[in-house]
Amino acid sequence: MIKHIVLFKLKDSSLESIDKTVNILRNMQGKIPELLSLEVGVDVVRSERAYDIALVTEVESLETLDAYQIHPVHQQVILHMNEAKEHSISVDYEI
């Protein structure tokens, strides 16, 4: 199993912008068969070094991670995130 974690710092960190992005990310739930789990969290500390949103997903393998990356629903999310994010970082590891 692979855990895929992405942290996003948004250009607009208003609650409205964060809520919109959270809803877009959560909308992947149940629409991408490769995703075994999906969790979206919003930072509650809001310190200068904090990122605004965390996306935590699990997939079966590196091959299913690749399939998730090119899935049409995920591609639509990427379009939004490329417009909304100031910066993102990620980590993928075996569990």
PDB file of N, CA and C in Angstrom:
ATOM      1  N   MET A   1       0.845  -1.182   0.000  1.00  0.00           N
ATOM      2  CA  MET A   1       0.000   0.000   0.000  1.00  0.00           C
ATOM      3  C   MET A   1       0.886   1.239   0.000  1.00  0.00           C
ATOM      4  N   ILE A   2       0.370   2.286  -0.631  1.00  0.00           N
ATOM      5  CA  ILE A   2       1.086   3.557  -0.731  1.00  0.00           C
ATOM      6  C   ILE A   2       0.232   4.651  -0.087  1.00  0.00           C
ATOM      7  N   LYS A   3       0.855   5.416   0.785  1.00  0.00           N
ATOM      8  CA  LYS A   3       0.218   6.605   1.355  1.00  0.00           C
ATOM      9  C   LYS A   3       0.730   7.791   0.551  1.00  0.00           C
ATOM     10  N   HIS A   4      -0.194   8.596   0.043  1.00  0.00           N
ATOM     11  CA  HIS A   4       0.113   9.769  -0.789  1.00  0.00           C
ATOM     12  C   HIS A   4      -0.392  10.995  -0.038  1.00  0.00           C
ATOM     13  N   ILE A   5       0.534  11.878   0.351  1.00  0.00           N
ATOM     14  CA  ILE A   5       0.180  13.073   1.126  1.00  0.00           C
ATOM     15  C   ILE A   5       0.630  14.303   0.352  1.00  0.00           C
ATOM     16  N   VAL A   6      -0.289  15.261   0.214  1.00  0.00           N
ATOM     17  CA  VAL A   6       0.021  16.526  -0.440  1.00  0.00           C
ATOM     18  C   VAL A   6      -0.434  17.656   0.470  1.00  0.00           C
ATOM     19  N   LEU A   7       0.438  18.629   0.666  1.00  0.00           N
ATOM     20  CA  LEU A   7       0.101  19.834   1.423  1.00  0.00           C
ATOM     21  C   LEU A   7       0.016  21.000   0.460  1.00  0.00           C
ATOM     22  N   PHE A   8      -1.014  21.834   0.634  1.00  0.00           N
ATOM     23  CA  PHE A   8      -1.237  22.968  -0.255  1.00  0.00           C
ATOM     24  C   PHE A   8      -1.244  24.270   0.535  1.00  0.00           C
ATOM     25  N   LYS A   9      -0.506  25.242   0.029  1.00  0.00           N
ATOM     26  CA  LYS A   9      -0.589  26.616   0.503  1.00  0.00           C
ATOM     27  C   LYS A   9      -1.295  27.367  -0.616  1.00  0.00           C
ATOM     28  N   LEU A  10      -2.430  27.977  -0.288  1.00  0.00           N
ATOM     29  CA  LEU A  10      -3.224  28.644  -1.308  1.00  0.00           C
ATOM     30  C   LEU A  10      -2.810  30.096  -1.492  1.00  0.00           C
ATOM     31  N   LYS A  11      -3.027  30.605  -2.707  1.00  0.00           N
ATOM     32  CA  LYS A  11      -2.792  32.026  -2.977  1.00  0.00           C
ATOM     33  C   LYS A  11      -3.731  32.875  -2.134  1.00  0.00           C
ATOM     34  N   ASP A  12      -4.982  32.435  -2.051  1.00  0.00           N
ATOM     35  CA  ASP A  12      -6.018  33.117  -1.259  1.00  0.00           C
ATOM     36  C   ASP A  12      -6.364  32.190  -0.100  1.00  0.00           C
ATOM     37  N   SER A  13      -5.930  32.536   1.095  1.00  0.00           N
ATOM     38  CA  SER A  13      -6.172  31.656   2.247  1.00  0.00           C
ATOM     39  C   SER A  13      -7.395  32.073   3.055  1.00  0.00           C
ATOM     40  N   SER A  14      -8.342  32.760   2.397  1.00  0.00           N
ATOM     41  CA  SER A  14      -9.596  33.095   3.065  1.00  0.00           C
ATOM     42  C   SER A  14     -10.385  31.807   3.312  1.00  0.00           C
ATOM     43  N   LEU A  15     -11.250  31.841   4.295  1.00  0.00           N
ATOM     44  CA  LEU A  15     -12.058  30.659   4.597  1.00  0.00           C
ATOM     45  C   LEU A  15     -12.907  30.241   3.402  1.00  0.00           C
ATOM     46  N   GLU A  16     -13.395  31.189   2.638  1.00  0.00           N
ATOM     47  CA  GLU A  16     -14.206  30.878   1.459  1.00  0.00           C
ATOM     48  C   GLU A  16     -13.388  30.106   0.426  1.00  0.00           C
ATOM     49  N   SER A  17     -12.171  30.566   0.171  1.00  0.00           N
ATOM     50  CA  SER A  17     -11.295  29.890  -0.788  1.00  0.00           C
ATOM     51  C   SER A  17     -10.905  28.501  -0.298  1.00  0.00           C
ATOM     52  N   ILE A  18     -10.585  28.395   0.978  1.00  0.00           N
ATOM     53  CA  ILE A  18     -10.230  27.090   1.545  1.00  0.00           C
ATOM     54  C   ILE A  18     -11.407  26.129   1.454  1.00  0.00           C
ATOM     55  N   ASP A  19     -12.607  26.591   1.823  1.00  0.00           N
ATOM     56  CA  ASP A  19     -13.798  25.731   1.753  1.00  0.00           C
ATOM     57  C   ASP A  19     -14.057  25.244   0.335  1.00  0.00           C
ATOM     58  N   LYS A  20     -13.916  26.140  -0.644  1.00  0.00           N
ATOM     59  CA  LYS A  20     -14.137  25.753  -2.044  1.00  0.00           C
ATOM     60  C   LYS A  20     -13.148  24.657  -2.450  1.00  0.00           C
ATOM     61  N   THR A  21     -11.892  24.838  -2.093  1.00  0.00           N
ATOM     62  CA  THR A  21     -10.869  23.868  -2.472  1.00  0.00           C
ATOM     63  C   THR A  21     -11.059  22.548  -1.745  1.00  0.00           C
ATOM     64  N   VAL A  22     -11.400  22.592  -0.477  1.00  0.00           N
ATOM     65  CA  VAL A  22     -11.680  21.366   0.280  1.00  0.00           C
ATOM     66  C   VAL A  22     -12.810  20.585  -0.392  1.00  0.00           C
ATOM     67  N   ASN A  23     -13.861  21.263  -0.791  1.00  0.00           N
ATOM     68  CA  ASN A  23     -14.991  20.590  -1.440  1.00  0.00           C
ATOM     69  C   ASN A  23     -14.576  19.953  -2.764  1.00  0.00           C
ATOM     70  N   ILE A  24     -13.730  20.641  -3.520  1.00  0.00           N
ATOM     71  CA  ILE A  24     -13.246  20.091  -4.791  1.00  0.00           C
ATOM     72  C   ILE A  24     -12.420  18.832  -4.530  1.00  0.00           C
ATOM     73  N   LEU A  25     -11.550  18.873  -3.531  1.00  0.00           N
ATOM     74  CA  LEU A  25     -10.739  17.696  -3.205  1.00  0.00           C
ATOM     75  C   LEU A  25     -11.604  16.548  -2.709  1.00  0.00           C
ATOM     76  N   ARG A  26     -12.535  16.832  -1.814  1.00  0.00           N
ATOM     77  CA  ARG A  26     -13.403  15.769  -1.274  1.00  0.00           C
ATOM     78  C   ARG A  26     -14.312  15.175  -2.340  1.00  0.00           C
ATOM     79  N   ASN A  27     -14.577  15.925  -3.382  1.00  0.00           N
ATOM     80  CA  ASN A  27     -15.443  15.458  -4.459  1.00  0.00           C
ATOM     81  C   ASN A  27     -14.846  14.259  -5.208  1.00  0.00           C
ATOM     82  N   MET A  28     -13.562  13.995  -5.020  1.00  0.00           N
ATOM     83  CA  MET A  28     -12.952  12.814  -5.652  1.00  0.00           C
ATOM     84  C   MET A  28     -13.427  11.523  -4.988  1.00  0.00           C
ATOM     85  N   GLN A  29     -13.875  11.612  -3.729  1.00  0.00           N
ATOM     86  CA  GLN A  29     -14.306  10.432  -2.972  1.00  0.00           C
ATOM     87  C   GLN A  29     -15.354   9.637  -3.745  1.00  0.00           C
ATOM     88  N   GLY A  30     -15.086   8.364  -3.954  1.00  0.00           N
ATOM     89  CA  GLY A  30     -16.039   7.482  -4.619  1.00  0.00           C
ATOM     90  C   GLY A  30     -16.048   7.580  -6.133  1.00  0.00           C
ATOM     91  N   LYS A  31     -15.267   8.489  -6.699  1.00  0.00           N
ATOM     92  CA  LYS A  31     -15.264   8.676  -8.151  1.00  0.00           C
ATOM     93  C   LYS A  31     -14.004   8.148  -8.818  1.00  0.00           C
ATOM     94  N   ILE A  32     -13.003   7.811  -8.015  1.00  0.00           N
ATOM     95  CA  ILE A  32     -11.743   7.297  -8.552  1.00  0.00           C
ATOM     96  C   ILE A  32     -11.500   5.938  -7.914  1.00  0.00           C
ATOM     97  N   PRO A  33     -11.705   4.860  -8.660  1.00  0.00           N
ATOM     98  CA  PRO A  33     -11.641   3.518  -8.067  1.00  0.00           C
ATOM     99  C   PRO A  33     -10.313   3.188  -7.397  1.00  0.00           C
ATOM    100  N   GLU A  34      -9.232   3.789  -7.851  1.00  0.00           N
ATOM    101  CA  GLU A  34      -7.908   3.488  -7.282  1.00  0.00           C
ATOM    102  C   GLU A  34      -7.747   3.999  -5.852  1.00  0.00           C
ATOM    103  N   LEU A  35      -8.541   4.990  -5.458  1.00  0.00           N
ATOM    104  CA  LEU A  35      -8.422   5.557  -4.112  1.00  0.00           C
ATOM    105  C   LEU A  35      -9.090   4.647  -3.084  1.00  0.00           C
ATOM    106  N   LEU A  36      -8.281   4.074  -2.214  1.00  0.00           N
ATOM    107  CA  LEU A  36      -8.822   3.233  -1.138  1.00  0.00           C
ATOM    108  C   LEU A  36      -9.320   4.088   0.013  1.00  0.00           C
ATOM    109  N   SER A  37      -8.687   5.237   0.223  1.00  0.00           N
ATOM    110  CA  SER A  37      -9.156   6.190   1.231  1.00  0.00           C
ATOM    111  C   SER A  37      -8.739   7.587   0.810  1.00  0.00           C
ATOM    112  N   LEU A  38      -9.501   8.558   1.286  1.00  0.00           N
ATOM    113  CA  LEU A  38      -9.240   9.957   0.986  1.00  0.00           C
ATOM    114  C   LEU A  38      -9.623  10.776   2.201  1.00  0.00           C
ATOM    115  N   GLU A  39      -8.714  11.607   2.648  1.00  0.00           N
ATOM    116  CA  GLU A  39      -8.965  12.487   3.783  1.00  0.00           C
ATOM    117  C   GLU A  39      -8.437  13.866   3.436  1.00  0.00           C
ATOM    118  N   VAL A  40      -9.235  14.887   3.749  1.00  0.00           N
ATOM    119  CA  VAL A  40      -8.834  16.269   3.522  1.00  0.00           C
ATOM    120  C   VAL A  40      -8.931  16.988   4.854  1.00  0.00           C
ATOM    121  N   GLY A  41      -7.855  17.666   5.247  1.00  0.00           N
ATOM    122  CA  GLY A  41      -7.840  18.398   6.508  1.00  0.00           C
ATOM    123  C   GLY A  41      -7.424  19.840   6.290  1.00  0.00           C
ATOM    124  N   VAL A  42      -7.998  20.720   7.113  1.00  0.00           N
ATOM    125  CA  VAL A  42      -7.680  22.144   7.068  1.00  0.00           C
ATOM    126  C   VAL A  42      -6.854  22.491   8.296  1.00  0.00           C
ATOM    127  N   ASP A  43      -5.771  23.207   8.079  1.00  0.00           N
ATOM    128  CA  ASP A  43      -4.903  23.630   9.174  1.00  0.00           C
ATOM    129  C   ASP A  43      -5.688  24.500  10.162  1.00  0.00           C
ATOM    130  N   VAL A  44      -5.555  24.214  11.442  1.00  0.00           N
ATOM    131  CA  VAL A  44      -6.267  24.972  12.469  1.00  0.00           C
ATOM    132  C   VAL A  44      -5.374  25.967  13.202  1.00  0.00           C
ATOM    133  N   VAL A  45      -4.061  25.848  13.069  1.00  0.00           N
ATOM    134  CA  VAL A  45      -3.140  26.744  13.768  1.00  0.00           C
ATOM    135  C   VAL A  45      -2.943  28.039  12.985  1.00  0.00           C
ATOM    136  N   ARG A  46      -2.842  27.907  11.648  1.00  0.00           N
ATOM    137  CA  ARG A  46      -2.682  29.048  10.740  1.00  0.00           C
ATOM    138  C   ARG A  46      -1.446  29.884  11.059  1.00  0.00           C
ATOM    139  N   SER A  47      -0.348  29.207  11.382  1.00  0.00           N
ATOM    140  CA  SER A  47       0.913  29.914  11.603  1.00  0.00           C
ATOM    141  C   SER A  47       1.525  30.287  10.251  1.00  0.00           C
ATOM    142  N   GLU A  48       2.526  31.125  10.276  1.00  0.00           N
ATOM    143  CA  GLU A  48       3.164  31.581   9.054  1.00  0.00           C
ATOM    144  C   GLU A  48       3.758  30.428   8.246  1.00  0.00           C
ATOM    145  N   ARG A  49       4.285  29.418   8.922  1.00  0.00           N
ATOM    146  CA  ARG A  49       4.924  28.309   8.214  1.00  0.00           C
ATOM    147  C   ARG A  49       3.955  27.194   7.831  1.00  0.00           C
ATOM    148  N   ALA A  50       2.718  27.292   8.254  1.00  0.00           N
ATOM    149  CA  ALA A  50       1.739  26.230   8.003  1.00  0.00           C
ATOM    150  C   ALA A  50       1.214  26.266   6.568  1.00  0.00           C
ATOM    151  N   TYR A  51       0.846  25.102   6.076  1.00  0.00           N
ATOM    152  CA  TYR A  51       0.125  24.991   4.819  1.00  0.00           C
ATOM    153  C   TYR A  51      -1.359  24.992   5.146  1.00  0.00           C
ATOM    154  N   ASP A  52      -2.190  25.343   4.168  1.00  0.00           N
ATOM    155  CA  ASP A  52      -3.622  25.517   4.418  1.00  0.00           C
ATOM    156  C   ASP A  52      -4.405  24.211   4.450  1.00  0.00           C
ATOM    157  N   ILE A  53      -4.055  23.289   3.545  1.00  0.00           N
ATOM    158  CA  ILE A  53      -4.852  22.068   3.363  1.00  0.00           C
ATOM    159  C   ILE A  53      -3.929  20.869   3.218  1.00  0.00           C
ATOM    160  N   ALA A  54      -4.340  19.745   3.808  1.00  0.00           N
ATOM    161  CA  ALA A  54      -3.642  18.473   3.627  1.00  0.00           C
ATOM    162  C   ALA A  54      -4.577  17.497   2.923  1.00  0.00           C
ATOM    163  N   LEU A  55      -4.055  16.812   1.927  1.00  0.00           N
ATOM    164  CA  LEU A  55      -4.761  15.730   1.244  1.00  0.00           C
ATOM    165  C   LEU A  55      -3.994  14.452   1.539  1.00  0.00           C
ATOM    166  N   VAL A  56      -4.699  13.481   2.125  1.00  0.00           N
ATOM    167  CA  VAL A  56      -4.075  12.203   2.470  1.00  0.00           C
ATOM    168  C   VAL A  56      -4.890  11.098   1.794  1.00  0.00           C
ATOM    169  N   THR A  57      -4.222  10.339   0.936  1.00  0.00           N
ATOM    170  CA  THR A  57      -4.902   9.248   0.241  1.00  0.00           C
ATOM    171  C   THR A  57      -4.096   7.966   0.372  1.00  0.00           C
ATOM    172  N   GLU A  58      -4.763   6.853   0.144  1.00  0.00           N
ATOM    173  CA  GLU A  58      -4.104   5.553   0.102  1.00  0.00           C
ATOM    174  C   GLU A  58      -4.517   4.843  -1.172  1.00  0.00           C
ATOM    175  N   VAL A  59      -3.512   4.205  -1.795  1.00  0.00           N
ATOM    176  CA  VAL A  59      -3.735   3.382  -2.983  1.00  0.00           C
ATOM    177  C   VAL A  59      -3.015   2.054  -2.777  1.00  0.00           C
ATOM    178  N   GLU A  60      -3.311   1.102  -3.604  1.00  0.00           N
ATOM    179  CA  GLU A  60      -2.767  -0.246  -3.446  1.00  0.00           C
ATOM    180  C   GLU A  60      -1.284  -0.347  -3.788  1.00  0.00           C
ATOM    181  N   SER A  61      -0.847   0.381  -4.831  1.00  0.00           N
ATOM    182  CA  SER A  61       0.516   0.198  -5.331  1.00  0.00           C
ATOM    183  C   SER A  61       0.973   1.441  -6.087  1.00  0.00           C
ATOM    184  N   LEU A  62       2.230   1.442  -6.503  1.00  0.00           N
ATOM    185  CA  LEU A  62       2.726   2.539  -7.328  1.00  0.00           C
ATOM    186  C   LEU A  62       1.995   2.592  -8.664  1.00  0.00           C
ATOM    187  N   GLU A  63       1.598   1.426  -9.174  1.00  0.00           N
ATOM    188  CA  GLU A  63       0.852   1.384 -10.432  1.00  0.00           C
ATOM    189  C   GLU A  63      -0.522   2.037 -10.279  1.00  0.00           C
ATOM    190  N   THR A  64      -1.196   1.779  -9.152  1.00  0.00           N
ATOM    191  CA  THR A  64      -2.505   2.407  -8.962  1.00  0.00           C
ATOM    192  C   THR A  64      -2.350   3.898  -8.642  1.00  0.00           C
ATOM    193  N   LEU A  65      -1.225   4.287  -8.050  1.00  0.00           N
ATOM    194  CA  LEU A  65      -0.954   5.716  -7.856  1.00  0.00           C
ATOM    195  C   LEU A  65      -0.834   6.400  -9.222  1.00  0.00           C
ATOM    196  N   ASP A  66      -0.146   5.756 -10.147  1.00  0.00           N
ATOM    197  CA  ASP A  66      -0.037   6.296 -11.507  1.00  0.00           C
ATOM    198  C   ASP A  66      -1.412   6.412 -12.164  1.00  0.00           C
ATOM    199  N   ALA A  67      -2.251   5.399 -11.981  1.00  0.00           N
ATOM    200  CA  ALA A  67      -3.597   5.426 -12.563  1.00  0.00           C
ATOM    201  C   ALA A  67      -4.434   6.545 -11.953  1.00  0.00           C
ATOM    202  N   TYR A  68      -4.307   6.754 -10.647  1.00  0.00           N
ATOM    203  CA  TYR A  68      -4.996   7.859  -9.965  1.00  0.00           C
ATOM    204  C   TYR A  68      -4.556   9.203 -10.544  1.00  0.00           C
ATOM    205  N   GLN A  69      -3.252   9.345 -10.776  1.00  0.00           N
ATOM    206  CA  GLN A  69      -2.720  10.622 -11.259  1.00  0.00           C
ATOM    207  C   GLN A  69      -3.320  11.021 -12.613  1.00  0.00           C
ATOM    208  N   ILE A  70      -3.614  10.053 -13.463  1.00  0.00           N
ATOM    209  CA  ILE A  70      -4.126  10.382 -14.800  1.00  0.00           C
ATOM    210  C   ILE A  70      -5.645  10.247 -14.914  1.00  0.00           C
ATOM    211  N   HIS A  71      -6.319   9.860 -13.847  1.00  0.00           N
ATOM    212  CA  HIS A  71      -7.776   9.718 -13.886  1.00  0.00           C
ATOM    213  C   HIS A  71      -8.408  11.070 -14.230  1.00  0.00           C
ATOM    214  N   PRO A  72      -9.435  11.097 -15.097  1.00  0.00           N
ATOM    215  CA  PRO A  72     -10.057  12.364 -15.507  1.00  0.00           C
ATOM    216  C   PRO A  72     -10.578  13.225 -14.348  1.00  0.00           C
ATOM    217  N   VAL A  73     -11.111  12.614 -13.310  1.00  0.00           N
ATOM    218  CA  VAL A  73     -11.593  13.388 -12.157  1.00  0.00           C
ATOM    219  C   VAL A  73     -10.417  14.075 -11.466  1.00  0.00           C
ATOM    220  N   HIS A  74      -9.323  13.349 -11.295  1.00  0.00           N
ATOM    221  CA  HIS A  74      -8.130  13.937 -10.682  1.00  0.00           C
ATOM    222  C   HIS A  74      -7.551  15.031 -11.574  1.00  0.00           C
ATOM    223  N   GLN A  75      -7.591  14.847 -12.872  1.00  0.00           N
ATOM    224  CA  GLN A  75      -7.088  15.866 -13.783  1.00  0.00           C
ATOM    225  C   GLN A  75      -7.869  17.178 -13.653  1.00  0.00           C
ATOM    226  N   GLN A  76      -9.178  17.087 -13.422  1.00  0.00           N
ATOM    227  CA  GLN A  76      -9.977  18.292 -13.193  1.00  0.00           C
ATOM    228  C   GLN A  76      -9.578  18.974 -11.886  1.00  0.00           C
ATOM    229  N   VAL A  77      -9.291  18.181 -10.866  1.00  0.00           N
ATOM    230  CA  VAL A  77      -8.831  18.734  -9.586  1.00  0.00           C
ATOM    231  C   VAL A  77      -7.488  19.438  -9.785  1.00  0.00           C
ATOM    232  N   ILE A  78      -6.604  18.837 -10.549  1.00  0.00           N
ATOM    233  CA  ILE A  78      -5.295  19.442 -10.810  1.00  0.00           C
ATOM    234  C   ILE A  78      -5.452  20.817 -11.463  1.00  0.00           C
ATOM    235  N   LEU A  79      -6.399  20.935 -12.394  1.00  0.00           N
ATOM    236  CA  LEU A  79      -6.631  22.235 -13.030  1.00  0.00           C
ATOM    237  C   LEU A  79      -6.972  23.293 -11.989  1.00  0.00           C
ATOM    238  N   HIS A  80      -7.866  22.962 -11.077  1.00  0.00           N
ATOM    239  CA  HIS A  80      -8.226  23.910 -10.010  1.00  0.00           C
ATOM    240  C   HIS A  80      -7.021  24.205  -9.123  1.00  0.00           C
ATOM    241  N   MET A  81      -6.322  23.159  -8.709  1.00  0.00           N
ATOM    242  CA  MET A  81      -5.203  23.345  -7.780  1.00  0.00           C
ATOM    243  C   MET A  81      -4.089  24.179  -8.402  1.00  0.00           C
ATOM    244  N   ASN A  82      -3.840  24.020  -9.687  1.00  0.00           N
ATOM    245  CA  ASN A  82      -2.814  24.824 -10.347  1.00  0.00           C
ATOM    246  C   ASN A  82      -3.160  26.310 -10.329  1.00  0.00           C
ATOM    247  N   GLU A  83      -4.442  26.622 -10.362  1.00  0.00           N
ATOM    248  CA  GLU A  83      -4.878  28.018 -10.266  1.00  0.00           C
ATOM    249  C   GLU A  83      -4.885  28.512  -8.819  1.00  0.00           C
ATOM    250  N   ALA A  84      -5.275  27.647  -7.892  1.00  0.00           N
ATOM    251  CA  ALA A  84      -5.509  28.071  -6.501  1.00  0.00           C
ATOM    252  C   ALA A  84      -4.263  28.053  -5.618  1.00  0.00           C
ATOM    253  N   LYS A  85      -3.319  27.198  -5.930  1.00  0.00           N
ATOM    254  CA  LYS A  85      -2.193  27.013  -5.012  1.00  0.00           C
ATOM    255  C   LYS A  85      -1.077  28.018  -5.242  1.00  0.00           C
ATOM    256  N   GLU A  86      -0.478  28.403  -4.147  1.00  0.00           N
ATOM    257  CA  GLU A  86       0.765  29.156  -4.205  1.00  0.00           C
ATOM    258  C   GLU A  86       1.931  28.181  -4.261  1.00  0.00           C
ATOM    259  N   HIS A  87       1.782  27.087  -3.474  1.00  0.00           N
ATOM    260  CA  HIS A  87       2.846  26.095  -3.395  1.00  0.00           C
ATOM    261  C   HIS A  87       2.246  24.784  -2.911  1.00  0.00           C
ATOM    262  N   SER A  88       2.871  23.685  -3.284  1.00  0.00           N
ATOM    263  CA  SER A  88       2.470  22.379  -2.749  1.00  0.00           C
ATOM    264  C   SER A  88       3.715  21.522  -2.568  1.00  0.00           C
ATOM    265  N   ILE A  89       3.614  20.583  -1.638  1.00  0.00           N
ATOM    266  CA  ILE A  89       4.663  19.594  -1.418  1.00  0.00           C
ATOM    267  C   ILE A  89       3.975  18.252  -1.230  1.00  0.00           C
ATOM    268  N   SER A  90       4.713  17.188  -1.496  1.00  0.00           N
ATOM    269  CA  SER A  90       4.103  15.869  -1.354  1.00  0.00           C
ATOM    270  C   SER A  90       5.115  14.856  -0.889  1.00  0.00           C
ATOM    271  N   VAL A  91       4.576  13.766  -0.375  1.00  0.00           N
ATOM    272  CA  VAL A  91       5.384  12.604  -0.011  1.00  0.00           C
ATOM    273  C   VAL A  91       4.542  11.363  -0.299  1.00  0.00           C
ATOM    274  N   ASP A  92       5.204  10.335  -0.792  1.00  0.00           N
ATOM    275  CA  ASP A  92       4.565   9.042  -1.055  1.00  0.00           C
ATOM    276  C   ASP A  92       5.431   7.981  -0.387  1.00  0.00           C
ATOM    277  N   TYR A  93       4.806   7.135   0.434  1.00  0.00           N
ATOM    278  CA  TYR A  93       5.584   6.101   1.103  1.00  0.00           C
ATOM    279  C   TYR A  93       4.772   4.832   1.256  1.00  0.00           C
ATOM    280  N   GLU A  94       5.496   3.721   1.399  1.00  0.00           N
ATOM    281  CA  GLU A  94       4.847   2.424   1.576  1.00  0.00           C
ATOM    282  C   GLU A  94       4.389   2.258   3.007  1.00  0.00           C
ATOM    283  N   ILE A  95       3.207   1.666   3.145  1.00  0.00           N
ATOM    284  CA  ILE A  95       2.685   1.359   4.494  1.00  0.00           C
ATOM    285  C   ILE A  95       2.424  -0.130   4.598  1.00  0.00           C
TER     286      ILE A  95
END
